[in-house]
Amino acid sequence: MSEFDETAKTLAFDAPNSYVGRSVTRPNARRLTQGRGQYVDDIVLPRMVHVAYVTSDPRTRTHGS
């Protein structure tokens, strides 16, 4: 038997902390649905620098033309 099968046997889906098949309370749901969430892209730090990489597209490359 594989290690996965052994692990699957020991999982207790009826444990008190199991969220499988249950509604989960999301305390920040209202804030996020109203567009007031803060994401990594929203963070601004002092001396922050942005970078963009531009690479050539190999499909448009011409050889010897």
PDB file of N, CA and C in Angstrom:
ATOM      1  N   MET A   1       0.837  -1.176   0.000  1.00  0.00           N
ATOM      2  CA  MET A   1       0.000   0.000   0.000  1.00  0.00           C
ATOM      3  C   MET A   1       0.887   1.246   0.000  1.00  0.00           C
ATOM      4  N   SER A   2       0.457   2.300  -0.681  1.00  0.00           N
ATOM      5  CA  SER A   2       1.272   3.508  -0.766  1.00  0.00           C
ATOM      6  C   SER A   2       1.144   4.351   0.496  1.00  0.00           C
ATOM      7  N   GLU A   3       2.047   5.297   0.633  1.00  0.00           N
ATOM      8  CA  GLU A   3       2.027   6.203   1.787  1.00  0.00           C
ATOM      9  C   GLU A   3       0.756   7.050   1.789  1.00  0.00           C
ATOM     10  N   PHE A   4       0.289   7.409   0.588  1.00  0.00           N
ATOM     11  CA  PHE A   4      -0.942   8.201   0.479  1.00  0.00           C
ATOM     12  C   PHE A   4      -2.128   7.434   1.046  1.00  0.00           C
ATOM     13  N   ASP A   5      -2.238   6.163   0.724  1.00  0.00           N
ATOM     14  CA  ASP A   5      -3.346   5.352   1.225  1.00  0.00           C
ATOM     15  C   ASP A   5      -3.330   5.269   2.749  1.00  0.00           C
ATOM     16  N   GLU A   6      -2.148   5.122   3.312  1.00  0.00           N
ATOM     17  CA  GLU A   6      -2.034   5.048   4.770  1.00  0.00           C
ATOM     18  C   GLU A   6      -2.442   6.371   5.419  1.00  0.00           C
ATOM     19  N   THR A   7      -2.042   7.500   4.806  1.00  0.00           N
ATOM     20  CA  THR A   7      -2.395   8.813   5.344  1.00  0.00           C
ATOM     21  C   THR A   7      -3.895   9.050   5.239  1.00  0.00           C
ATOM     22  N   ALA A   8      -4.485   8.646   4.127  1.00  0.00           N
ATOM     23  CA  ALA A   8      -5.918   8.841   3.922  1.00  0.00           C
ATOM     24  C   ALA A   8      -6.726   8.080   4.963  1.00  0.00           C
ATOM     25  N   LYS A   9      -6.251   6.937   5.401  1.00  0.00           N
ATOM     26  CA  LYS A   9      -6.967   6.155   6.403  1.00  0.00           C
ATOM     27  C   LYS A   9      -6.978   6.868   7.752  1.00  0.00           C
ATOM     28  N   THR A  10      -5.924   7.619   8.042  1.00  0.00           N
ATOM     29  CA  THR A  10      -5.811   8.243   9.356  1.00  0.00           C
ATOM     30  C   THR A  10      -6.501   9.598   9.442  1.00  0.00           C
ATOM     31  N   LEU A  11      -6.945  10.171   8.311  1.00  0.00           N
ATOM     32  CA  LEU A  11      -7.619  11.463   8.349  1.00  0.00           C
ATOM     33  C   LEU A  11      -8.994  11.314   8.983  1.00  0.00           C
ATOM     34  N   ALA A  12      -9.334  12.193   9.886  1.00  0.00           N
ATOM     35  CA  ALA A  12     -10.632  12.152  10.561  1.00  0.00           C
ATOM     36  C   ALA A  12     -11.491  13.296  10.025  1.00  0.00           C
ATOM     37  N   PHE A  13     -12.343  12.997   9.045  1.00  0.00           N
ATOM     38  CA  PHE A  13     -13.169  14.038   8.451  1.00  0.00           C
ATOM     39  C   PHE A  13     -14.326  14.436   9.359  1.00  0.00           C
ATOM     40  N   ASP A  14     -14.592  13.662  10.387  1.00  0.00           N
ATOM     41  CA  ASP A  14     -15.654  14.002  11.323  1.00  0.00           C
ATOM     42  C   ASP A  14     -15.099  14.673  12.575  1.00  0.00           C
ATOM     43  N   ALA A  15     -13.845  15.081  12.510  1.00  0.00           N
ATOM     44  CA  ALA A  15     -13.225  15.741  13.658  1.00  0.00           C
ATOM     45  C   ALA A  15     -13.899  17.092  13.891  1.00  0.00           C
ATOM     46  N   PRO A  16     -13.861  17.608  15.121  1.00  0.00           N
ATOM     47  CA  PRO A  16     -14.525  18.887  15.413  1.00  0.00           C
ATOM     48  C   PRO A  16     -14.002  20.058  14.590  1.00  0.00           C
ATOM     49  N   ASN A  17     -12.762  20.019  14.132  1.00  0.00           N
ATOM     50  CA  ASN A  17     -12.195  21.115  13.346  1.00  0.00           C
ATOM     51  C   ASN A  17     -12.320  20.896  11.852  1.00  0.00           C
ATOM     52  N   SER A  18     -13.054  19.882  11.418  1.00  0.00           N
ATOM     53  CA  SER A  18     -13.195  19.592   9.998  1.00  0.00           C
ATOM     54  C   SER A  18     -14.201  20.548   9.365  1.00  0.00           C
ATOM     55  N   TYR A  19     -13.827  21.152   8.249  1.00  0.00           N
ATOM     56  CA  TYR A  19     -14.704  22.088   7.551  1.00  0.00           C
ATOM     57  C   TYR A  19     -15.278  21.487   6.281  1.00  0.00           C
ATOM     58  N   VAL A  20     -15.065  20.211   6.051  1.00  0.00           N
ATOM     59  CA  VAL A  20     -15.548  19.566   4.839  1.00  0.00           C
ATOM     60  C   VAL A  20     -17.071  19.522   4.863  1.00  0.00           C
ATOM     61  N   GLY A  21     -17.694  20.102   3.842  1.00  0.00           N
ATOM     62  CA  GLY A  21     -19.137  20.071   3.716  1.00  0.00           C
ATOM     63  C   GLY A  21     -19.887  21.023   4.632  1.00  0.00           C
ATOM     64  N   ARG A  22     -19.204  21.938   5.298  1.00  0.00           N
ATOM     65  CA  ARG A  22     -19.859  22.860   6.218  1.00  0.00           C
ATOM     66  C   ARG A  22     -19.702  24.303   5.752  1.00  0.00           C
ATOM     67  N   SER A  23     -20.653  25.135   6.129  1.00  0.00           N
ATOM     68  CA  SER A  23     -20.524  26.568   5.867  1.00  0.00           C
ATOM     69  C   SER A  23     -19.465  27.138   6.798  1.00  0.00           C
ATOM     70  N   VAL A  24     -18.668  28.023   6.279  1.00  0.00           N
ATOM     71  CA  VAL A  24     -17.589  28.619   7.060  1.00  0.00           C
ATOM     72  C   VAL A  24     -17.867  30.110   7.198  1.00  0.00           C
ATOM     73  N   THR A  25     -17.795  30.624   8.408  1.00  0.00           N
ATOM     74  CA  THR A  25     -17.975  32.051   8.643  1.00  0.00           C
ATOM     75  C   THR A  25     -16.742  32.789   8.156  1.00  0.00           C
ATOM     76  N   ARG A  26     -16.967  33.804   7.327  1.00  0.00           N
ATOM     77  CA  ARG A  26     -15.859  34.605   6.793  1.00  0.00           C
ATOM     78  C   ARG A  26     -16.012  36.028   7.298  1.00  0.00           C
ATOM     79  N   PRO A  27     -15.288  36.378   8.352  1.00  0.00           N
ATOM     80  CA  PRO A  27     -15.472  37.698   8.954  1.00  0.00           C
ATOM     81  C   PRO A  27     -15.077  38.853   8.045  1.00  0.00           C
ATOM     82  N   ASN A  28     -14.220  38.633   7.077  1.00  0.00           N
ATOM     83  CA  ASN A  28     -13.783  39.723   6.203  1.00  0.00           C
ATOM     84  C   ASN A  28     -14.522  39.730   4.863  1.00  0.00           C
ATOM     85  N   ALA A  29     -15.544  38.920   4.691  1.00  0.00           N
ATOM     86  CA  ALA A  29     -16.236  38.810   3.405  1.00  0.00           C
ATOM     87  C   ALA A  29     -16.886  40.123   2.984  1.00  0.00           C
ATOM     88  N   ARG A  30     -17.541  40.807   3.893  1.00  0.00           N
ATOM     89  CA  ARG A  30     -18.225  42.055   3.536  1.00  0.00           C
ATOM     90  C   ARG A  30     -17.217  43.100   3.064  1.00  0.00           C
ATOM     91  N   ARG A  31     -16.105  43.229   3.785  1.00  0.00           N
ATOM     92  CA  ARG A  31     -15.076  44.202   3.417  1.00  0.00           C
ATOM     93  C   ARG A  31     -14.522  43.894   2.027  1.00  0.00           C
ATOM     94  N   LEU A  32     -14.303  42.622   1.735  1.00  0.00           N
ATOM     95  CA  LEU A  32     -13.751  42.252   0.435  1.00  0.00           C
ATOM     96  C   LEU A  32     -14.747  42.463  -0.691  1.00  0.00           C
ATOM     97  N   THR A  33     -16.016  42.123  -0.460  1.00  0.00           N
ATOM     98  CA  THR A  33     -17.010  42.307  -1.516  1.00  0.00           C
ATOM     99  C   THR A  33     -17.329  43.766  -1.773  1.00  0.00           C
ATOM    100  N   GLN A  34     -17.025  44.638  -0.822  1.00  0.00           N
ATOM    101  CA  GLN A  34     -17.234  46.067  -1.019  1.00  0.00           C
ATOM    102  C   GLN A  34     -16.016  46.734  -1.651  1.00  0.00           C
ATOM    103  N   GLY A  35     -15.004  45.941  -1.997  1.00  0.00           N
ATOM    104  CA  GLY A  35     -13.823  46.487  -2.658  1.00  0.00           C
ATOM    105  C   GLY A  35     -12.847  47.154  -1.715  1.00  0.00           C
ATOM    106  N   ARG A  36     -12.937  46.879  -0.433  1.00  0.00           N
ATOM    107  CA  ARG A  36     -12.062  47.527   0.536  1.00  0.00           C
ATOM    108  C   ARG A  36     -10.951  46.590   1.027  1.00  0.00           C
ATOM    109  N   GLY A  37     -10.694  45.518   0.290  1.00  0.00           N
ATOM    110  CA  GLY A  37      -9.629  44.602   0.676  1.00  0.00           C
ATOM    111  C   GLY A  37      -8.268  45.185   0.344  1.00  0.00           C
ATOM    112  N   GLN A  38      -7.243  44.779   1.071  1.00  0.00           N
ATOM    113  CA  GLN A  38      -5.882  45.213   0.770  1.00  0.00           C
ATOM    114  C   GLN A  38      -5.094  43.999   0.314  1.00  0.00           C
ATOM    115  N   TYR A  39      -4.476  44.123  -0.828  1.00  0.00           N
ATOM    116  CA  TYR A  39      -3.740  43.026  -1.433  1.00  0.00           C
ATOM    117  C   TYR A  39      -2.268  43.417  -1.564  1.00  0.00           C
ATOM    118  N   VAL A  40      -1.440  42.468  -1.909  1.00  0.00           N
ATOM    119  CA  VAL A  40       0.000  42.706  -2.018  1.00  0.00           C
ATOM    120  C   VAL A  40       0.289  43.834  -3.002  1.00  0.00           C
ATOM    121  N   ASP A  41      -0.466  43.904  -4.076  1.00  0.00           N
ATOM    122  CA  ASP A  41      -0.243  44.938  -5.084  1.00  0.00           C
ATOM    123  C   ASP A  41      -0.565  46.340  -4.556  1.00  0.00           C
ATOM    124  N   ASP A  42      -1.343  46.444  -3.493  1.00  0.00           N
ATOM    125  CA  ASP A  42      -1.717  47.741  -2.924  1.00  0.00           C
ATOM    126  C   ASP A  42      -0.662  48.314  -1.986  1.00  0.00           C
ATOM    127  N   ILE A  43       0.313  47.525  -1.590  1.00  0.00           N
ATOM    128  CA  ILE A  43       1.305  47.957  -0.613  1.00  0.00           C
ATOM    129  C   ILE A  43       2.350  48.846  -1.284  1.00  0.00           C
ATOM    130  N   VAL A  44       2.649  49.976  -0.673  1.00  0.00           N
ATOM    131  CA  VAL A  44       3.681  50.885  -1.159  1.00  0.00           C
ATOM    132  C   VAL A  44       4.686  51.086  -0.027  1.00  0.00           C
ATOM    133  N   LEU A  45       5.936  50.787  -0.320  1.00  0.00           N
ATOM    134  CA  LEU A  45       6.998  50.928   0.661  1.00  0.00           C
ATOM    135  C   LEU A  45       7.980  51.997   0.203  1.00  0.00           C
ATOM    136  N   PRO A  46       8.720  52.609   1.120  1.00  0.00           N
ATOM    137  CA  PRO A  46       9.725  53.594   0.725  1.00  0.00           C
ATOM    138  C   PRO A  46      10.784  52.948  -0.169  1.00  0.00           C
ATOM    139  N   ARG A  47      11.218  53.681  -1.148  1.00  0.00           N
ATOM    140  CA  ARG A  47      12.259  53.239  -2.093  1.00  0.00           C
ATOM    141  C   ARG A  47      11.853  51.998  -2.881  1.00  0.00           C
ATOM    142  N   MET A  48      10.555  51.775  -3.038  1.00  0.00           N
ATOM    143  CA  MET A  48      10.069  50.618  -3.783  1.00  0.00           C
ATOM    144  C   MET A  48      10.338  50.812  -5.272  1.00  0.00           C
ATOM    145  N   VAL A  49      10.766  49.759  -5.921  1.00  0.00           N
ATOM    146  CA  VAL A  49      11.077  49.794  -7.353  1.00  0.00           C
ATOM    147  C   VAL A  49      10.228  48.742  -8.051  1.00  0.00           C
ATOM    148  N   HIS A  50       9.782  49.057  -9.246  1.00  0.00           N
ATOM    149  CA  HIS A  50       9.030  48.101 -10.060  1.00  0.00           C
ATOM    150  C   HIS A  50       9.914  47.661 -11.216  1.00  0.00           C
ATOM    151  N   VAL A  51       9.723  46.452 -11.663  1.00  0.00           N
ATOM    152  CA  VAL A  51      10.523  45.933 -12.756  1.00  0.00           C
ATOM    153  C   VAL A  51       9.615  45.194 -13.738  1.00  0.00           C
ATOM    154  N   ALA A  52       9.957  45.267 -15.012  1.00  0.00           N
ATOM    155  CA  ALA A  52       9.255  44.515 -16.050  1.00  0.00           C
ATOM    156  C   ALA A  52      10.296  43.886 -16.950  1.00  0.00           C
ATOM    157  N   TYR A  53      10.149  42.625 -17.242  1.00  0.00           N
ATOM    158  CA  TYR A  53      11.077  41.917 -18.118  1.00  0.00           C
ATOM    159  C   TYR A  53      10.466  41.797 -19.493  1.00  0.00           C
ATOM    160  N   VAL A  54      11.240  42.113 -20.510  1.00  0.00           N
ATOM    161  CA  VAL A  54      10.798  41.996 -21.886  1.00  0.00           C
ATOM    162  C   VAL A  54      11.688  40.971 -22.559  1.00  0.00           C
ATOM    163  N   THR A  55      11.074  39.948 -23.095  1.00  0.00           N
ATOM    164  CA  THR A  55      11.832  38.916 -23.799  1.00  0.00           C
ATOM    165  C   THR A  55      11.361  38.865 -25.246  1.00  0.00           C
ATOM    166  N   SER A  56      12.217  38.348 -26.099  1.00  0.00           N
ATOM    167  CA  SER A  56      11.831  38.240 -27.493  1.00  0.00           C
ATOM    168  C   SER A  56      10.899  37.041 -27.662  1.00  0.00           C
ATOM    169  N   ASP A  57      10.006  37.151 -28.624  1.00  0.00           N
ATOM    170  CA  ASP A  57       9.072  36.075 -28.916  1.00  0.00           C
ATOM    171  C   ASP A  57       9.705  35.164 -29.964  1.00  0.00           C
ATOM    172  N   PRO A  58      10.007  33.922 -29.628  1.00  0.00           N
ATOM    173  CA  PRO A  58      10.682  33.035 -30.566  1.00  0.00           C
ATOM    174  C   PRO A  58       9.858  32.734 -31.819  1.00  0.00           C
ATOM    175  N   ARG A  59       8.555  32.948 -31.789  1.00  0.00           N
ATOM    176  CA  ARG A  59       7.727  32.674 -32.979  1.00  0.00           C
ATOM    177  C   ARG A  59       7.911  33.737 -34.041  1.00  0.00           C
ATOM    178  N   THR A  60       8.365  34.939 -33.652  1.00  0.00           N
ATOM    179  CA  THR A  60       8.521  36.023 -34.632  1.00  0.00           C
ATOM    180  C   THR A  60       9.968  36.204 -35.056  1.00  0.00           C
ATOM    181  N   ARG A  61      10.847  35.361 -34.620  1.00  0.00           N
ATOM    182  CA  ARG A  61      12.263  35.479 -34.910  1.00  0.00           C
ATOM    183  C   ARG A  61      12.511  35.118 -36.387  1.00  0.00           C
ATOM    184  N   THR A  62      13.346  35.916 -37.067  1.00  0.00           N
ATOM    185  CA  THR A  62      13.707  35.607 -38.461  1.00  0.00           C
ATOM    186  C   THR A  62      15.184  35.260 -38.500  1.00  0.00           C
ATOM    187  N   HIS A  63      15.518  34.238 -39.222  1.00  0.00           N
ATOM    188  CA  HIS A  63      16.897  33.783 -39.316  1.00  0.00           C
ATOM    189  C   HIS A  63      17.429  34.059 -40.717  1.00  0.00           C
ATOM    190  N   GLY A  64      18.417  34.899 -40.813  1.00  0.00           N
ATOM    191  CA  GLY A  64      19.105  35.144 -42.075  1.00  0.00           C
ATOM    192  C   GLY A  64      18.293  35.926 -43.108  1.00  0.00           C
ATOM    193  N   SER A  65      17.267  36.610 -42.725  1.00  0.00           N
ATOM    194  CA  SER A  65      16.492  37.360 -43.694  1.00  0.00           C
ATOM    195  C   SER A  65      17.035  38.749 -43.848  1.00  0.00           C
TER     196      SER A  65
END
